[in-house]
Amino acid sequence: MGLFDNLKKKATTAVDEHGAQIASGIDKAAELADKQTKGKHGGQIGKGAAAAKNALDKLDGRDDDIPDGPAAKP
């Protein structure tokens, strides 16, 4: 098993175990970026956050780890 395969396996495991927390972090980063740009780039920031969640969700070949919408606040 190569280095990349090992890293992918570790990342997949992390996403499986902590998907909701990762989604929450992505949402918080998007909110901060939107606030810093004073809403000027909200659409692009939203698309970027959705793309990041989608990429992480498909890491293991299943579309089940990351919630689609904004993460629920605890």
Protein backbone atom coordinates (compact mmCIF):
# COMPACT_ATOMS: atom_id res chain seq x y z
CA MET A 1 0.00 0.00 0.00
CA GLY A 2 1.44 3.34 -1.02
CA LEU A 3 1.65 6.52 0.97
CA PHE A 4 -1.32 8.08 -0.84
CA ASP A 5 -3.49 5.01 -0.20
CA ASN A 6 -2.60 5.13 3.49
CA LEU A 7 -3.47 8.85 3.73
CA LYS A 8 -6.75 8.32 1.88
CA LYS A 9 -7.70 5.51 4.25
CA LYS A 10 -6.99 7.72 7.29
CA ALA A 11 -8.95 10.63 5.79
CA THR A 12 -11.88 8.34 4.96
CA THR A 13 -11.94 7.02 8.50
CA ALA A 14 -11.87 10.56 9.92
CA VAL A 15 -14.74 11.66 7.67
CA ASP A 16 -16.77 8.56 8.60
CA GLU A 17 -16.29 9.17 12.31
CA HIS A 18 -16.52 12.97 12.42
CA GLY A 19 -18.56 14.02 9.36
CA ALA A 20 -20.95 16.29 11.24
CA GLN A 21 -18.11 18.11 12.99
CA ILE A 22 -16.27 18.59 9.71
CA ALA A 23 -19.44 19.98 8.11
CA SER A 24 -19.82 22.36 11.04
CA GLY A 25 -16.24 23.58 10.56
CA ILE A 26 -16.81 24.15 6.85
CA ASP A 27 -19.99 26.11 7.64
CA LYS A 28 -18.20 28.24 10.25
CA ALA A 29 -15.38 29.00 7.82
CA ALA A 30 -17.91 29.97 5.14
CA GLU A 31 -19.77 32.23 7.57
CA LEU A 32 -16.54 33.93 8.61
CA ALA A 33 -15.46 34.44 5.00
CA ASP A 34 -18.88 35.87 4.14
CA LYS A 35 -18.72 38.20 7.13
CA GLN A 36 -15.19 39.36 6.24
CA THR A 37 -16.23 40.15 2.66
CA LYS A 38 -19.40 41.85 3.95
CA GLY A 39 -21.60 39.53 1.90
CA LYS A 40 -20.13 40.58 -1.45
CA HIS A 41 -19.16 37.02 -2.38
CA GLY A 42 -21.79 35.04 -0.52
CA GLY A 43 -22.82 33.00 -3.56
CA GLN A 44 -19.29 31.94 -4.38
CA ILE A 45 -18.52 31.17 -0.74
CA GLY A 46 -21.66 29.04 -0.48
CA LYS A 47 -20.76 27.14 -3.64
CA GLY A 48 -17.24 26.57 -2.34
CA ALA A 49 -18.51 25.25 1.00
CA ALA A 50 -20.93 22.92 -0.78
CA ALA A 51 -18.16 21.68 -3.09
CA ALA A 52 -15.87 21.01 -0.12
CA LYS A 53 -18.58 19.02 1.66
CA ASN A 54 -19.39 17.11 -1.52
CA ALA A 55 -15.74 16.20 -2.10
CA LEU A 56 -15.30 14.97 1.47
CA ASP A 57 -18.58 13.09 1.34
CA LYS A 58 -17.54 11.19 -1.77
CA LEU A 59 -14.11 10.34 -0.37
CA ASP A 60 -15.19 6.82 0.52
CA GLY A 61 -17.42 6.32 -2.52
CA ARG A 62 -20.61 6.73 -0.50
CA ASP A 63 -22.72 9.86 -0.27
CA ASP A 64 -23.60 9.58 3.43
CA ASP A 65 -21.07 11.24 5.73
CA ILE A 66 -21.47 15.02 5.47
CA PRO A 67 -24.85 16.74 5.91
CA ASP A 68 -25.91 18.69 2.80
CA GLY A 69 -27.27 21.80 4.46
CA PRO A 70 -25.76 23.93 7.20
CA ALA A 71 -24.65 21.83 10.15
CA ALA A 72 -27.00 21.76 13.09
CA LYS A 73 -25.94 23.90 16.02
CA PRO A 74 -25.42 21.84 19.20
